[in-house]
Amino acid sequence: MNPTHHQNSTPQPGHDADGPAGWLAGLLTDDNRFRAWVGSAIATAARPVTLPDNPEPDGYVVTDAGLKALADTGEAPGTAAMVLRLAALYLQRHGWIQGAYYDLSATVFTPAADMVGAIGMVCYGGPVEAPAQHFDDPGFLDFEEAVLHLDRYLLVMDGSQAYEFNDAHGRTAGQVTDVLRRAAAIPAAELIDALRIVHADDARRAQLFGGDAE
């Protein structure tokens, strides 16, 4: 397993049923309800909140190109939607695994893969040792944009990121391919707005419950 492929220890939002952050995960099966909530929450937001430049220092390392993609306010950046759908198709055809990018025991050029490994197969045309660090490959920007978009979706809907979601105990191949396709269908702007709202909610809770702590 590549050193960048590990569980993320960041506390997960989305488990408090009393606020917007608590019931975001419950919208995973209803895209229309999710989009309606984002529009309503944006309209009533008290003030804009700036996200940290790189809020996950122990997770996926975002390059300058990736940070630019994070600021995108259009639909899924570049080829992200297509890449995510093709990654789901790859997993359906060739198999899904946990704990590594690819099945190291495979003797074929199309081994079973995890979520990120499947994205790498789509972008690079074959298995590479470290998909997230294949910086000089022409497909790297497509890879990075797809992973960033997927991570945004998972942060909003599940409070996790790609590696963590893929390797969670009890995860199924069907859940993984479903998430890849659902992420592909959501514009980047909606996910960014939702992350800002969740971040603002977390900041307000920290002020309310931790402001007087010595």
C-alpha atoms as a PDB file:
ATOM      1  CA  MET A   1       0.000   0.000   0.000  1.00  0.00           C
ATOM      2  CA  ASN A   2       1.301   3.454  -0.869  1.00  0.00           C
ATOM      3  CA  PRO A   3       2.035   5.716   2.169  1.00  0.00           C
ATOM      4  CA  THR A   4      -0.602   8.190   0.938  1.00  0.00           C
ATOM      5  CA  HIS A   5      -3.276   5.481   1.088  1.00  0.00           C
ATOM      6  CA  HIS A   6      -4.320   5.525   4.741  1.00  0.00           C
ATOM      7  CA  GLN A   7      -7.260   6.142   6.987  1.00  0.00           C
ATOM      8  CA  ASN A   8      -8.037   9.796   7.672  1.00  0.00           C
ATOM      9  CA  SER A   9      -8.234  10.613  11.392  1.00  0.00           C
ATOM     10  CA  THR A  10     -10.042  13.935  10.960  1.00  0.00           C
ATOM     11  CA  PRO A  11     -13.292  14.076  13.018  1.00  0.00           C
ATOM     12  CA  GLN A  12     -16.238  13.397  10.793  1.00  0.00           C
ATOM     13  CA  PRO A  13     -19.061  15.934  10.414  1.00  0.00           C
ATOM     14  CA  GLY A  14     -22.572  14.775   9.773  1.00  0.00           C
ATOM     15  CA  HIS A  15     -23.543  12.877  12.948  1.00  0.00           C
ATOM     16  CA  ASP A  16     -25.492  15.556  14.833  1.00  0.00           C
ATOM     17  CA  ALA A  17     -29.172  15.261  13.951  1.00  0.00           C
ATOM     18  CA  ASP A  18     -29.938  18.755  15.319  1.00  0.00           C
ATOM     19  CA  GLY A  19     -28.249  20.877  12.630  1.00  0.00           C
ATOM     20  CA  PRO A  20     -27.551  21.093   8.889  1.00  0.00           C
ATOM     21  CA  ALA A  21     -24.304  19.161   9.262  1.00  0.00           C
ATOM     22  CA  GLY A  22     -26.130  16.339  11.019  1.00  0.00           C
ATOM     23  CA  TRP A  23     -28.607  15.438   8.347  1.00  0.00           C
ATOM     24  CA  LEU A  24     -26.455  16.000   5.247  1.00  0.00           C
ATOM     25  CA  ALA A  25     -25.513  12.320   5.229  1.00  0.00           C
ATOM     26  CA  GLY A  26     -29.184  11.430   5.130  1.00  0.00           C
ATOM     27  CA  LEU A  27     -29.531  13.162   1.770  1.00  0.00           C
ATOM     28  CA  LEU A  28     -27.243  10.656   0.040  1.00  0.00           C
ATOM     29  CA  THR A  29     -30.145   8.825  -1.557  1.00  0.00           C
ATOM     30  CA  ASP A  30     -32.088  11.927  -2.624  1.00  0.00           C
ATOM     31  CA  ASP A  31     -30.162  14.260  -4.941  1.00  0.00           C
ATOM     32  CA  ASN A  32     -33.139  16.587  -5.502  1.00  0.00           C
ATOM     33  CA  ARG A  33     -33.621  17.077  -1.763  1.00  0.00           C
ATOM     34  CA  PHE A  34     -29.890  17.729  -1.374  1.00  0.00           C
ATOM     35  CA  ARG A  35     -29.884  20.423  -4.070  1.00  0.00           C
ATOM     36  CA  ALA A  36     -32.994  22.071  -2.606  1.00  0.00           C
ATOM     37  CA  TRP A  37     -31.347  22.177   0.827  1.00  0.00           C
ATOM     38  CA  VAL A  38     -28.157  23.763  -0.554  1.00  0.00           C
ATOM     39  CA  GLY A  39     -30.174  26.505  -2.265  1.00  0.00           C
ATOM     40  CA  SER A  40     -32.160  27.223   0.887  1.00  0.00           C
ATOM     41  CA  ALA A  41     -29.110  27.229   3.151  1.00  0.00           C
ATOM     42  CA  ILE A  42     -27.181  29.582   0.876  1.00  0.00           C
ATOM     43  CA  ALA A  43     -30.084  32.027   0.833  1.00  0.00           C
ATOM     44  CA  THR A  44     -30.207  32.206   4.640  1.00  0.00           C
ATOM     45  CA  ALA A  45     -26.472  32.127   5.387  1.00  0.00           C
ATOM     46  CA  ALA A  46     -25.476  34.950   7.720  1.00  0.00           C
ATOM     47  CA  ARG A  47     -22.007  35.574   6.310  1.00  0.00           C
ATOM     48  CA  PRO A  48     -19.468  33.921   3.988  1.00  0.00           C
ATOM     49  CA  VAL A  49     -16.895  31.638   5.534  1.00  0.00           C
ATOM     50  CA  THR A  50     -13.445  31.017   4.064  1.00  0.00           C
ATOM     51  CA  LEU A  51     -12.344  27.411   3.952  1.00  0.00           C
ATOM     52  CA  PRO A  52      -8.777  26.521   4.999  1.00  0.00           C
ATOM     53  CA  ASP A  53      -6.294  26.441   2.098  1.00  0.00           C
ATOM     54  CA  ASN A  54      -5.685  22.734   2.647  1.00  0.00           C
ATOM     55  CA  PRO A  55      -7.949  21.412   5.433  1.00  0.00           C
ATOM     56  CA  GLU A  56      -6.711  17.799   5.261  1.00  0.00           C
ATOM     57  CA  PRO A  57      -2.928  17.853   5.883  1.00  0.00           C
ATOM     58  CA  ASP A  58      -2.884  14.128   6.707  1.00  0.00           C
ATOM     59  CA  GLY A  59      -4.994  13.075   3.725  1.00  0.00           C
ATOM     60  CA  TYR A  60      -4.775  13.726  -0.006  1.00  0.00           C
ATOM     61  CA  VAL A  61      -2.026  16.311  -0.681  1.00  0.00           C
ATOM     62  CA  VAL A  62      -3.480  18.986  -2.947  1.00  0.00           C
ATOM     63  CA  THR A  63      -1.180  20.549  -5.523  1.00  0.00           C
ATOM     64  CA  ASP A  64      -1.466  24.110  -6.861  1.00  0.00           C
ATOM     65  CA  ALA A  65      -3.551  22.850  -9.778  1.00  0.00           C
ATOM     66  CA  GLY A  66      -5.811  21.067  -7.338  1.00  0.00           C
ATOM     67  CA  LEU A  67      -6.283  24.163  -5.192  1.00  0.00           C
ATOM     68  CA  LYS A  68      -7.326  26.023  -8.335  1.00  0.00           C
ATOM     69  CA  ALA A  69      -9.855  23.285  -9.049  1.00  0.00           C
ATOM     70  CA  LEU A  70     -11.245  23.644  -5.518  1.00  0.00           C
ATOM     71  CA  ALA A  71     -12.113  27.258  -6.291  1.00  0.00           C
ATOM     72  CA  ASP A  72     -14.079  26.286  -9.397  1.00  0.00           C
ATOM     73  CA  THR A  73     -17.696  27.401  -9.285  1.00  0.00           C
ATOM     74  CA  GLY A  74     -18.965  25.640 -12.405  1.00  0.00           C
ATOM     75  CA  GLU A  75     -19.821  21.993 -12.850  1.00  0.00           C
ATOM     76  CA  ALA A  76     -17.476  19.119 -12.092  1.00  0.00           C
ATOM     77  CA  PRO A  77     -14.059  20.401 -13.197  1.00  0.00           C
ATOM     78  CA  GLY A  78     -12.515  19.193 -16.427  1.00  0.00           C
ATOM     79  CA  THR A  79     -13.275  15.558 -17.141  1.00  0.00           C
ATOM     80  CA  ALA A  80     -14.126  14.624 -13.527  1.00  0.00           C
ATOM     81  CA  ALA A  81     -17.694  13.483 -14.177  1.00  0.00           C
ATOM     82  CA  MET A  82     -16.675  11.227 -17.057  1.00  0.00           C
ATOM     83  CA  VAL A  83     -13.679   9.843 -15.143  1.00  0.00           C
ATOM     84  CA  LEU A  84     -15.792   8.980 -12.090  1.00  0.00           C
ATOM     85  CA  ARG A  85     -18.422   7.189 -14.182  1.00  0.00           C
ATOM     86  CA  LEU A  86     -15.742   5.233 -16.038  1.00  0.00           C
ATOM     87  CA  ALA A  87     -14.092   4.331 -12.713  1.00  0.00           C
ATOM     88  CA  ALA A  88     -17.412   2.894 -11.507  1.00  0.00           C
ATOM     89  CA  LEU A  89     -17.683   0.886 -14.729  1.00  0.00           C
ATOM     90  CA  TYR A  90     -14.105  -0.362 -14.306  1.00  0.00           C
ATOM     91  CA  LEU A  91     -14.872  -1.663 -10.807  1.00  0.00           C
ATOM     92  CA  GLN A  92     -18.001  -3.413 -12.025  1.00  0.00           C
ATOM     93  CA  ARG A  93     -16.094  -5.174 -14.786  1.00  0.00           C
ATOM     94  CA  HIS A  94     -12.796  -5.968 -13.084  1.00  0.00           C
ATOM     95  CA  GLY A  95     -13.532  -6.068  -9.344  1.00  0.00           C
ATOM     96  CA  TRP A  96     -13.162  -3.938  -6.232  1.00  0.00           C
ATOM     97  CA  ILE A  97     -10.761  -4.302  -3.284  1.00  0.00           C
ATOM     98  CA  GLN A  98      -9.844  -2.575  -0.023  1.00  0.00           C
ATOM     99  CA  GLY A  99      -6.500  -1.647   1.509  1.00  0.00           C
ATOM    100  CA  ALA A 100      -4.516  -1.114  -1.701  1.00  0.00           C
ATOM    101  CA  TYR A 101      -4.827   0.622  -5.029  1.00  0.00           C
ATOM    102  CA  TYR A 102      -4.692  -2.662  -6.958  1.00  0.00           C
ATOM    103  CA  ASP A 103      -4.774  -6.395  -6.352  1.00  0.00           C
ATOM    104  CA  LEU A 104      -1.036  -7.092  -6.207  1.00  0.00           C
ATOM    105  CA  SER A 105      -1.588 -10.789  -6.867  1.00  0.00           C
ATOM    106  CA  ALA A 106      -3.314 -10.154 -10.203  1.00  0.00           C
ATOM    107  CA  THR A 107      -1.648 -11.463 -13.332  1.00  0.00           C
ATOM    108  CA  VAL A 108      -3.690  -9.363 -15.756  1.00  0.00           C
ATOM    109  CA  PHE A 109      -3.275  -5.765 -16.921  1.00  0.00           C
ATOM    110  CA  THR A 110      -6.726  -4.881 -15.513  1.00  0.00           C
ATOM    111  CA  PRO A 111      -6.519  -5.889 -11.832  1.00  0.00           C
ATOM    112  CA  ALA A 112      -9.246  -5.385  -9.266  1.00  0.00           C
ATOM    113  CA  ALA A 113      -8.848  -1.916  -7.715  1.00  0.00           C
ATOM    114  CA  ASP A 114     -10.076   0.406  -5.006  1.00  0.00           C
ATOM    115  CA  MET A 115     -11.854   3.710  -5.764  1.00  0.00           C
ATOM    116  CA  VAL A 116      -8.695   5.730  -6.330  1.00  0.00           C
ATOM    117  CA  GLY A 117      -6.981   2.904  -8.172  1.00  0.00           C
ATOM    118  CA  ALA A 118      -9.913   2.704 -10.583  1.00  0.00           C
ATOM    119  CA  ILE A 119      -9.680   6.455 -11.204  1.00  0.00           C
ATOM    120  CA  GLY A 120      -5.978   5.924 -11.900  1.00  0.00           C
ATOM    121  CA  MET A 121      -6.754   3.168 -14.413  1.00  0.00           C
ATOM    122  CA  VAL A 122      -9.069   5.516 -16.284  1.00  0.00           C
ATOM    123  CA  CYS A 123      -6.621   8.442 -16.307  1.00  0.00           C
ATOM    124  CA  TYR A 124      -3.337   6.590 -16.863  1.00  0.00           C
ATOM    125  CA  GLY A 125      -4.490   3.668 -18.982  1.00  0.00           C
ATOM    126  CA  GLY A 126      -2.984   1.053 -16.678  1.00  0.00           C
ATOM    127  CA  PRO A 127      -1.876   0.373 -13.086  1.00  0.00           C
ATOM    128  CA  VAL A 128       0.864   2.637 -11.709  1.00  0.00           C
ATOM    129  CA  GLU A 129       2.683   2.270  -8.414  1.00  0.00           C
ATOM    130  CA  ALA A 130       1.468   5.532  -6.847  1.00  0.00           C
ATOM    131  CA  PRO A 131      -1.499   7.066  -8.721  1.00  0.00           C
ATOM    132  CA  ALA A 132      -1.667  10.103  -6.441  1.00  0.00           C
ATOM    133  CA  GLN A 133       2.005  10.920  -7.078  1.00  0.00           C
ATOM    134  CA  HIS A 134       2.215  10.319 -10.823  1.00  0.00           C
ATOM    135  CA  PHE A 135       2.788  14.035 -11.367  1.00  0.00           C
ATOM    136  CA  ASP A 136       4.500  13.903 -14.768  1.00  0.00           C
ATOM    137  CA  ASP A 137       1.877  11.769 -16.481  1.00  0.00           C
ATOM    138  CA  PRO A 138      -0.385  13.618 -18.967  1.00  0.00           C
ATOM    139  CA  GLY A 139      -3.392  12.151 -17.145  1.00  0.00           C
ATOM    140  CA  PHE A 140      -2.430  13.464 -13.711  1.00  0.00           C
ATOM    141  CA  LEU A 141      -4.577  16.614 -13.807  1.00  0.00           C
ATOM    142  CA  ASP A 142      -7.627  14.571 -14.795  1.00  0.00           C
ATOM    143  CA  PHE A 143      -6.822  12.171 -11.947  1.00  0.00           C
ATOM    144  CA  GLU A 144      -6.425  14.944  -9.396  1.00  0.00           C
ATOM    145  CA  GLU A 145      -9.581  16.789 -10.429  1.00  0.00           C
ATOM    146  CA  ALA A 146     -11.621  13.598 -10.192  1.00  0.00           C
ATOM    147  CA  VAL A 147     -10.275  12.691  -6.740  1.00  0.00           C
ATOM    148  CA  LEU A 148     -10.809  16.238  -5.453  1.00  0.00           C
ATOM    149  CA  HIS A 149     -14.395  16.260  -6.689  1.00  0.00           C
ATOM    150  CA  LEU A 150     -15.025  12.836  -5.152  1.00  0.00           C
ATOM    151  CA  ASP A 151     -13.509  13.938  -1.839  1.00  0.00           C
ATOM    152  CA  ARG A 152     -15.726  17.051  -1.774  1.00  0.00           C
ATOM    153  CA  TYR A 153     -18.780  14.878  -2.342  1.00  0.00           C
ATOM    154  CA  LEU A 154     -17.808  12.420   0.385  1.00  0.00           C
ATOM    155  CA  LEU A 155     -16.965  15.173   2.886  1.00  0.00           C
ATOM    156  CA  VAL A 156     -20.446  16.632   2.422  1.00  0.00           C
ATOM    157  CA  MET A 157     -22.425  13.416   2.255  1.00  0.00           C
ATOM    158  CA  ASP A 158     -20.474  11.069   4.518  1.00  0.00           C
ATOM    159  CA  GLY A 159     -17.899  13.101   6.453  1.00  0.00           C
ATOM    160  CA  SER A 160     -15.100  11.006   4.924  1.00  0.00           C
ATOM    161  CA  GLN A 161     -12.740  10.979   1.948  1.00  0.00           C
ATOM    162  CA  ALA A 162     -12.050   8.471  -0.801  1.00  0.00           C
ATOM    163  CA  TYR A 163      -9.467   6.266   0.944  1.00  0.00           C
ATOM    164  CA  GLU A 164     -11.402   6.207   4.204  1.00  0.00           C
ATOM    165  CA  PHE A 165     -14.743   5.532   2.519  1.00  0.00           C
ATOM    166  CA  ASN A 166     -13.308   2.738   0.367  1.00  0.00           C
ATOM    167  CA  ASP A 167     -11.634   0.956   3.284  1.00  0.00           C
ATOM    168  CA  ALA A 168     -14.438   1.285   5.857  1.00  0.00           C
ATOM    169  CA  HIS A 169     -15.487  -1.955   7.537  1.00  0.00           C
ATOM    170  CA  GLY A 170     -18.614  -3.380   5.941  1.00  0.00           C
ATOM    171  CA  ARG A 171     -18.283  -1.348   2.749  1.00  0.00           C
ATOM    172  CA  THR A 172     -19.590  -3.047  -0.407  1.00  0.00           C
ATOM    173  CA  ALA A 173     -18.668  -2.760  -4.076  1.00  0.00           C
ATOM    174  CA  GLY A 174     -22.202  -1.585  -4.829  1.00  0.00           C
ATOM    175  CA  GLN A 175     -21.888   1.315  -2.390  1.00  0.00           C
ATOM    176  CA  VAL A 176     -18.580   2.338  -3.934  1.00  0.00           C
ATOM    177  CA  THR A 177     -19.807   2.358  -7.536  1.00  0.00           C
ATOM    178  CA  ASP A 178     -23.007   4.142  -6.487  1.00  0.00           C
ATOM    179  CA  VAL A 179     -21.028   6.918  -4.791  1.00  0.00           C
ATOM    180  CA  LEU A 180     -18.782   7.353  -7.830  1.00  0.00           C
ATOM    181  CA  ARG A 181     -21.817   7.845 -10.061  1.00  0.00           C
ATOM    182  CA  ARG A 182     -23.626  10.136  -7.614  1.00  0.00           C
ATOM    183  CA  ALA A 183     -20.524  12.313  -7.214  1.00  0.00           C
ATOM    184  CA  ALA A 184     -20.247  12.605 -10.989  1.00  0.00           C
ATOM    185  CA  ALA A 185     -23.800  13.968 -11.162  1.00  0.00           C
ATOM    186  CA  ILE A 186     -23.302  16.826  -8.660  1.00  0.00           C
ATOM    187  CA  PRO A 187     -21.806  20.160  -9.849  1.00  0.00           C
ATOM    188  CA  ALA A 188     -18.697  21.317  -8.017  1.00  0.00           C
ATOM    189  CA  ALA A 189     -20.333  24.624  -7.025  1.00  0.00           C
ATOM    190  CA  GLU A 190     -23.042  22.888  -5.001  1.00  0.00           C
ATOM    191  CA  LEU A 191     -20.491  20.823  -3.077  1.00  0.00           C
ATOM    192  CA  ILE A 192     -18.303  23.851  -2.353  1.00  0.00           C
ATOM    193  CA  ASP A 193     -21.309  25.821  -1.072  1.00  0.00           C
ATOM    194  CA  ALA A 194     -22.367  22.894   1.110  1.00  0.00           C
ATOM    195  CA  LEU A 195     -18.850  22.567   2.563  1.00  0.00           C
ATOM    196  CA  ARG A 196     -18.866  26.273   3.425  1.00  0.00           C
ATOM    197  CA  ILE A 197     -22.180  25.857   5.242  1.00  0.00           C
ATOM    198  CA  VAL A 198     -20.927  22.830   7.180  1.00  0.00           C
ATOM    199  CA  HIS A 199     -17.725  24.666   8.068  1.00  0.00           C
ATOM    200  CA  ALA A 200     -19.723  27.682   9.273  1.00  0.00           C
ATOM    201  CA  ASP A 201     -21.971  25.438  11.361  1.00  0.00           C
ATOM    202  CA  ASP A 202     -18.937  23.749  12.953  1.00  0.00           C
ATOM    203  CA  ALA A 203     -17.407  27.161  13.728  1.00  0.00           C
ATOM    204  CA  ARG A 204     -20.624  28.367  15.400  1.00  0.00           C
ATOM    205  CA  ARG A 205     -20.821  25.199  17.499  1.00  0.00           C
ATOM    206  CA  ALA A 206     -17.189  25.624  18.560  1.00  0.00           C
ATOM    207  CA  GLN A 207     -17.961  29.186  19.704  1.00  0.00           C
ATOM    208  CA  LEU A 208     -21.107  28.149  21.568  1.00  0.00           C
ATOM    209  CA  PHE A 209     -19.679  25.139  23.370  1.00  0.00           C
ATOM    210  CA  GLY A 210     -15.974  25.851  23.578  1.00  0.00           C
ATOM    211  CA  GLY A 211     -15.675  29.619  23.769  1.00  0.00           C
ATOM    212  CA  ASP A 212     -15.522  29.768  27.549  1.00  0.00           C
ATOM    213  CA  ALA A 213     -13.134  26.857  28.014  1.00  0.00           C
ATOM    214  CA  GLU A 214      -9.922  27.756  29.817  1.00  0.00           C
END
